[in-house]
């Protein structure tokens, strides 16, 4: 296996070279001044290059779901026939099947995604949950009369549903759901170590763990590459909203991002790199499943072959992301 290529210098470190004089009194204060000057210089350079910003309607939040699953407090209120983790508005595949929904009712069910599926660059289309997507039109007591199985399900939880659109509507669901079915970038609001931006071109509904960016004014795959770069991580660290070592990426930090929109040709080149990353991350998932199967079935030659293939995919991803 060849060694991974050297990574470019990080933008996060601005320490001047250590010298013998650094041990003298006052050197720490001088170093701090130097760092602030370096940071200001870089931030000013980024601001000068900025030629694109988001409109308010291009940065949106996820769905406000006060009750997605039963927590300990809600379970205690409902009693022993319920368990912590039972689906209220968000259902597992097993719970979905048990409702025996009609075709009409199935139209209210939308694919729901979590941090398990949405990572840097890549969103795994294969999800584990669906959401009962009901907006404010379902706050009338008879609004689910044509959806008897969903009504029966939600009626069991009325004592703990606190939505502004109860008894059956989600809290502040988007009226048409358009933002969840279009091509978009999904942004994780709390990130450890590095920001996480996910490109998706499939229907994906999610809660307020995420924000989303929807625009037709710039290539979204190019934008995904830019948003996952060291440059944007640097900007969010020093000009965004940090909570200790955690990036807090809400609407305001996203709106204030200094985006560079290069020529269409450059956007296309970066978009192709992002496409390669997405393709290889999907291949990585597929190969891991095949590797697990080969290992379970004692197919030793196949297991070795897939191990080597996975190692090569890892190297390719490291090279492309760097």
Protein backbone atom coordinates (compact mmCIF):
# COMPACT_ATOMS: atom_id res chain seq x y z
CA UNK A 1 0.00 0.00 0.00
CA UNK A 2 1.56 3.34 -1.03
CA UNK A 3 1.84 6.02 1.64
CA UNK A 4 -0.84 8.74 1.52
CA UNK A 5 0.21 11.98 -0.18
CA UNK A 6 1.39 14.83 2.02
CA UNK A 7 -1.47 17.04 3.13
CA UNK A 8 -1.33 20.75 2.38
CA UNK A 9 -0.34 22.99 5.29
CA UNK A 10 -3.26 23.59 7.61
CA UNK A 11 -4.65 27.08 7.88
CA UNK A 12 -5.14 26.61 11.61
CA UNK A 13 -1.53 27.03 12.76
CA UNK A 14 0.22 30.37 12.76
CA UNK A 15 2.94 29.86 15.37
CA UNK A 16 6.16 31.64 14.37
CA UNK A 17 9.35 29.55 14.37
CA UNK A 18 10.74 28.95 17.83
CA UNK A 19 13.95 30.80 18.63
CA UNK A 20 16.20 31.04 21.66
CA UNK A 21 14.76 34.46 22.45
CA UNK A 22 11.25 33.01 22.83
CA UNK A 23 12.03 32.10 26.43
CA UNK A 24 12.49 35.70 27.49
CA UNK A 25 9.83 37.57 29.47
CA UNK A 26 7.14 39.09 27.24
CA UNK A 27 7.65 36.69 24.32
CA UNK A 28 4.20 35.16 24.89
CA UNK A 29 2.47 38.53 24.51
CA UNK A 30 4.49 39.27 21.38
CA UNK A 31 3.54 35.90 19.94
CA UNK A 32 -0.15 36.59 20.60
CA UNK A 33 0.09 39.91 18.79
CA UNK A 34 1.80 38.18 15.87
CA UNK A 35 -0.96 35.56 15.69
CA UNK A 36 -3.71 38.18 15.74
CA UNK A 37 -1.99 40.07 12.95
CA UNK A 38 -1.67 36.91 10.88
CA UNK A 39 -5.33 36.02 11.46
CA UNK A 40 -6.48 39.52 10.51
CA UNK A 41 -4.39 39.41 7.34
CA UNK A 42 -5.86 36.09 6.22
CA UNK A 43 -9.43 37.08 7.11
CA UNK A 44 -9.07 40.33 5.14
CA UNK A 45 -7.76 38.42 2.11
CA UNK A 46 -10.77 36.08 2.24
CA UNK A 47 -13.16 39.04 2.44
CA UNK A 48 -11.59 40.66 -0.61
CA UNK A 49 -12.09 37.49 -2.69
CA UNK A 50 -15.73 36.98 -1.69
CA UNK A 51 -18.15 37.46 -4.60
CA UNK A 52 -21.18 35.35 -3.58
CA UNK A 53 -23.51 35.28 -0.59
CA UNK A 54 -26.67 33.36 0.27
CA UNK A 55 -30.15 34.84 0.26
CA UNK A 56 -32.32 34.27 3.34
CA UNK A 57 -34.57 31.84 1.47
CA UNK A 58 -31.56 29.77 0.40
CA UNK A 59 -30.60 28.78 3.96
CA UNK A 60 -33.30 26.83 5.80
CA UNK A 61 -33.61 24.73 8.94
CA UNK A 62 -34.69 21.13 9.32
CA UNK A 63 -38.08 20.06 10.67
CA UNK A 64 -39.00 21.06 14.21
CA UNK A 65 -40.13 17.75 15.75
CA UNK A 66 -40.74 18.02 19.50
CA UNK A 67 -41.69 14.34 19.61
CA UNK A 68 -39.82 12.17 17.13
CA UNK A 69 -39.29 9.23 19.50
CA UNK A 70 -40.41 8.60 23.06
CA UNK A 71 -37.88 9.80 25.61
CA UNK A 72 -37.74 8.67 29.24
CA UNK A 73 -40.00 11.44 30.52
CA UNK A 74 -42.68 10.89 27.88
CA UNK A 75 -42.59 7.13 28.35
CA UNK A 76 -43.11 7.53 32.09
CA UNK A 77 -46.11 9.77 31.45
CA UNK A 78 -47.74 7.32 29.02
CA UNK A 79 -47.18 4.21 31.09
CA UNK A 80 -45.81 0.71 30.89
CA UNK A 81 -47.22 -0.38 27.54
CA UNK A 82 -44.84 2.04 25.81
CA UNK A 83 -41.05 1.84 25.58
CA UNK A 84 -38.33 4.48 25.35
CA UNK A 85 -37.45 4.88 21.68
CA UNK A 86 -40.92 4.08 20.32
CA UNK A 87 -41.62 6.13 17.22
CA UNK A 88 -44.12 8.99 17.48
CA UNK A 89 -43.74 11.06 14.31
CA UNK A 90 -40.62 9.18 13.17
CA UNK A 91 -41.03 5.45 12.59
CA UNK A 92 -38.67 2.55 12.09
CA UNK A 93 -39.17 0.17 9.17
CA UNK A 94 -40.78 -2.35 11.54
CA UNK A 95 -43.20 0.24 12.96
CA UNK A 96 -44.04 1.43 9.45
CA UNK A 97 -44.95 -2.07 8.31
CA UNK A 98 -47.04 -2.73 11.43
CA UNK A 99 -49.31 0.24 10.64
CA UNK A 100 -50.48 -1.48 7.43
CA UNK A 101 -50.99 1.85 5.68
CA UNK A 102 -53.21 2.45 2.67
CA UNK A 103 -51.78 3.97 -0.51
CA UNK A 104 -53.28 7.31 0.48
CA UNK A 105 -51.63 7.17 3.90
CA UNK A 106 -48.26 6.23 2.44
CA UNK A 107 -48.17 9.59 0.66
CA UNK A 108 -47.79 11.25 4.07
CA UNK A 109 -44.72 9.14 4.88
CA UNK A 110 -41.37 10.65 3.87
CA UNK A 111 -37.80 9.26 4.10
CA UNK A 112 -36.12 10.53 7.26
CA UNK A 113 -32.35 10.87 7.71
CA UNK A 114 -30.00 11.22 10.68
CA UNK A 115 -26.28 11.69 11.32
CA UNK A 116 -25.89 7.94 10.64
CA UNK A 117 -26.54 8.55 6.94
CA UNK A 118 -25.40 12.15 6.44
CA UNK A 119 -21.63 12.67 6.56
CA UNK A 120 -18.96 14.83 4.94
CA UNK A 121 -19.65 15.10 1.20
CA UNK A 122 -21.75 11.92 1.04
CA UNK A 123 -25.29 11.03 2.07
CA UNK A 124 -26.23 7.36 2.13
CA UNK A 125 -29.61 7.05 0.43
CA UNK A 126 -30.35 3.82 2.32
CA UNK A 127 -32.03 5.05 5.51
CA UNK A 128 -33.74 3.42 8.50
CA UNK A 129 -36.66 5.73 9.30
CA UNK A 130 -39.60 7.56 7.81
CA UNK A 131 -41.52 10.56 9.12
CA UNK A 132 -45.25 11.27 9.24
CA UNK A 133 -45.03 14.59 7.39
CA UNK A 134 -48.08 16.59 8.44
CA UNK A 135 -48.17 20.39 8.29
CA UNK A 136 -50.44 22.96 9.95
CA UNK A 137 -53.43 21.83 7.89
CA UNK A 138 -53.56 18.77 10.18
CA UNK A 139 -54.26 20.65 13.41
CA UNK A 140 -58.01 20.13 13.08
CA UNK A 141 -59.46 17.23 15.08
CA UNK A 142 -60.95 15.63 11.95
CA UNK A 143 -58.00 16.29 9.64
CA UNK A 144 -56.82 12.66 9.68
CA UNK A 145 -60.22 11.04 9.19
CA UNK A 146 -59.12 9.88 5.74
CA UNK A 147 -55.92 8.43 7.23
CA UNK A 148 -57.32 6.07 9.89
CA UNK A 149 -54.17 4.04 10.61
CA UNK A 150 -52.00 7.14 11.08
CA UNK A 151 -54.73 8.73 13.19
CA UNK A 152 -54.93 5.66 15.43
CA UNK A 153 -51.16 5.71 15.84
CA UNK A 154 -50.90 9.40 16.77
CA UNK A 155 -53.95 9.24 19.05
CA UNK A 156 -51.95 6.96 21.34
CA UNK A 157 -49.48 9.80 21.97
CA UNK A 158 -51.78 12.80 22.37
CA UNK A 159 -50.87 13.21 26.04
CA UNK A 160 -47.26 13.99 25.17
CA UNK A 161 -47.54 15.75 21.78
CA UNK A 162 -46.73 19.45 22.26
CA UNK A 163 -46.66 20.66 18.65
CA UNK A 164 -48.20 24.06 17.93
CA UNK A 165 -50.20 22.18 15.28
CA UNK A 166 -51.48 19.38 17.47
CA UNK A 167 -53.24 17.02 17.49
CA UNK A 168 -51.67 15.77 14.24
CA UNK A 169 -49.45 18.43 12.66
CA UNK A 170 -45.70 18.77 13.01
CA UNK A 171 -44.30 21.90 14.60
CA UNK A 172 -43.49 24.36 11.76
CA UNK A 173 -43.32 21.82 8.94
CA UNK A 174 -42.75 23.48 5.59
CA UNK A 175 -46.06 23.73 3.75
CA UNK A 176 -44.98 21.98 0.55
CA UNK A 177 -41.86 20.12 1.67
CA UNK A 178 -40.13 21.34 -1.50
CA UNK A 179 -36.85 22.06 0.25
CA UNK A 180 -36.49 18.42 1.26
CA UNK A 181 -36.99 16.91 -2.19
CA UNK A 182 -34.70 19.11 -4.26
CA UNK A 183 -30.94 18.99 -4.81
CA UNK A 184 -29.39 20.51 -1.72
CA UNK A 185 -26.51 20.70 0.72
CA UNK A 186 -27.26 19.55 4.27
CA UNK A 187 -25.22 21.19 7.01
CA UNK A 188 -24.78 19.64 10.45
CA UNK A 189 -25.34 22.32 13.10
CA UNK A 190 -22.97 21.00 15.80
CA UNK A 191 -19.66 19.61 14.55
CA UNK A 192 -16.66 18.26 16.42
CA UNK A 193 -13.20 18.69 14.85
CA UNK A 194 -14.42 19.83 11.43
CA UNK A 195 -17.61 21.10 9.74
CA UNK A 196 -19.81 18.58 7.94
CA UNK A 197 -21.59 19.45 4.69
CA UNK A 198 -23.46 16.75 2.72
CA UNK A 199 -24.52 16.84 -0.92
CA UNK A 200 -27.81 15.07 -1.69
CA UNK A 201 -29.88 14.82 -4.85
CA UNK A 202 -32.59 12.55 -3.43
CA UNK A 203 -35.59 13.10 -1.15
CA UNK A 204 -34.24 13.60 2.36
CA UNK A 205 -36.23 14.86 5.36
CA UNK A 206 -34.44 15.62 8.64
CA UNK A 207 -34.84 17.44 11.93
CA UNK A 208 -33.21 20.58 13.31
CA UNK A 209 -29.95 18.76 13.90
CA UNK A 210 -29.28 20.11 10.40
CA UNK A 211 -29.56 23.21 8.26
CA UNK A 212 -29.86 23.09 4.49
CA UNK A 213 -28.64 25.20 1.58
CA UNK A 214 -30.69 25.34 -1.60
CA UNK A 215 -29.69 27.55 -4.51
CA UNK A 216 -29.54 27.36 -8.29
CA UNK A 217 -27.08 30.26 -8.54
CA UNK A 218 -23.94 28.18 -8.04
CA UNK A 219 -22.85 24.60 -8.72
CA UNK A 220 -23.84 22.70 -5.56
CA UNK A 221 -21.17 20.03 -5.90
CA UNK A 222 -18.52 22.73 -6.23
CA UNK A 223 -20.05 24.44 -3.19
CA UNK A 224 -19.93 21.15 -1.24
CA UNK A 225 -16.22 20.92 -1.92
CA UNK A 226 -15.63 24.51 -0.86
CA UNK A 227 -17.71 24.19 2.32
CA UNK A 228 -15.79 21.07 3.41
CA UNK A 229 -12.43 22.78 2.83
CA UNK A 230 -9.86 23.97 5.35
CA UNK A 231 -10.59 27.51 4.18
CA UNK A 232 -14.21 27.43 5.36
CA UNK A 233 -13.27 25.54 8.53
CA UNK A 234 -10.81 28.34 9.28
CA UNK A 235 -13.42 31.03 8.64
CA UNK A 236 -16.03 29.33 10.84
CA UNK A 237 -13.48 28.82 13.61
CA UNK A 238 -12.42 32.45 13.81
CA UNK A 239 -15.44 34.29 12.38
CA UNK A 240 -18.27 31.88 13.17
CA UNK A 241 -19.76 30.68 16.42
CA UNK A 242 -17.59 28.22 18.35
CA UNK A 243 -18.73 26.57 21.58
CA UNK A 244 -15.40 25.46 22.97
CA UNK A 245 -14.03 23.11 20.31
CA UNK A 246 -17.47 22.56 18.73
CA UNK A 247 -18.55 24.36 15.58
CA UNK A 248 -22.07 25.78 16.05
CA UNK A 249 -23.21 26.30 12.47
CA UNK A 250 -26.65 27.89 12.58
CA UNK A 251 -28.23 30.21 10.01
CA UNK A 252 -26.22 33.33 10.86
CA UNK A 253 -22.75 31.73 10.40
CA UNK A 254 -23.95 30.23 7.10
CA UNK A 255 -25.32 33.56 5.89
CA UNK A 256 -22.01 35.24 6.79
CA UNK A 257 -19.81 32.76 4.90
CA UNK A 258 -17.41 34.38 2.47
CA UNK A 259 -18.12 32.33 -0.66
CA UNK A 260 -15.92 32.51 -3.74
CA UNK A 261 -17.73 31.80 -7.02
CA UNK A 262 -15.05 31.12 -9.66
CA UNK A 263 -15.56 30.53 -13.37
CA UNK A 264 -17.91 27.75 -14.49
CA UNK A 265 -14.90 25.76 -15.66
CA UNK A 266 -13.29 25.84 -12.19
CA UNK A 267 -16.61 24.99 -10.58
CA UNK A 268 -16.88 22.00 -12.92
CA UNK A 269 -13.40 20.79 -12.04
CA UNK A 270 -14.08 20.91 -8.28
CA UNK A 271 -17.53 19.36 -8.82
CA UNK A 272 -15.89 16.41 -10.60
CA UNK A 273 -13.61 15.85 -7.60
CA UNK A 274 -16.63 15.93 -5.28
CA UNK A 275 -18.44 13.46 -7.56
CA UNK A 276 -15.44 11.13 -7.27
CA UNK A 277 -15.49 11.42 -3.47
CA UNK A 278 -19.23 10.67 -3.34
CA UNK A 279 -18.84 7.72 -5.71
CA UNK A 280 -15.96 6.24 -3.70
CA UNK A 281 -17.76 6.68 -0.39
CA UNK A 282 -20.73 4.77 -1.82
CA UNK A 283 -18.36 2.11 -3.14
CA UNK A 284 -16.75 1.92 0.29
CA UNK A 285 -20.12 1.15 1.90
CA UNK A 286 -20.95 -1.46 -0.74
CA UNK A 287 -17.57 -3.16 -0.43
CA UNK A 288 -17.75 -3.24 3.37
CA UNK A 289 -21.06 -5.10 3.11
CA UNK A 290 -19.56 -7.57 0.65
CA UNK A 291 -16.48 -7.96 2.85
CA UNK A 292 -18.66 -8.73 5.88
CA UNK A 293 -20.57 -11.32 3.87
CA UNK A 294 -17.37 -12.96 2.61
CA UNK A 295 -15.98 -13.09 6.16
CA UNK A 296 -19.21 -14.57 7.53
CA UNK A 297 -19.28 -17.24 4.81
CA UNK A 298 -15.55 -18.03 5.19
CA UNK A 299 -14.75 -16.98 1.60
CA UNK A 300 -11.10 -16.27 2.39
CA UNK A 301 -9.90 -15.39 -1.13
CA UNK A 302 -12.84 -13.05 -1.63
CA UNK A 303 -12.23 -11.47 1.78
CA UNK A 304 -8.58 -10.75 0.92
CA UNK A 305 -9.57 -9.32 -2.46
CA UNK A 306 -12.13 -6.98 -0.89
CA UNK A 307 -9.71 -5.94 1.87
CA UNK A 308 -7.23 -4.78 -0.76
CA UNK A 309 -9.97 -3.00 -2.69
CA UNK A 310 -11.09 -1.17 0.46
CA UNK A 311 -7.52 -0.11 1.19
CA UNK A 312 -7.21 1.32 -2.32
CA UNK A 313 -10.51 3.20 -1.97
CA UNK A 314 -9.25 4.71 1.30
CA UNK A 315 -6.05 5.91 -0.39
CA UNK A 316 -8.03 7.36 -3.30
CA UNK A 317 -10.34 9.22 -0.95
CA UNK A 318 -7.40 10.68 1.00
CA UNK A 319 -5.79 11.86 -2.22
CA UNK A 320 -8.98 13.38 -3.61
CA UNK A 321 -10.01 15.15 -0.38
CA UNK A 322 -6.54 16.62 0.07
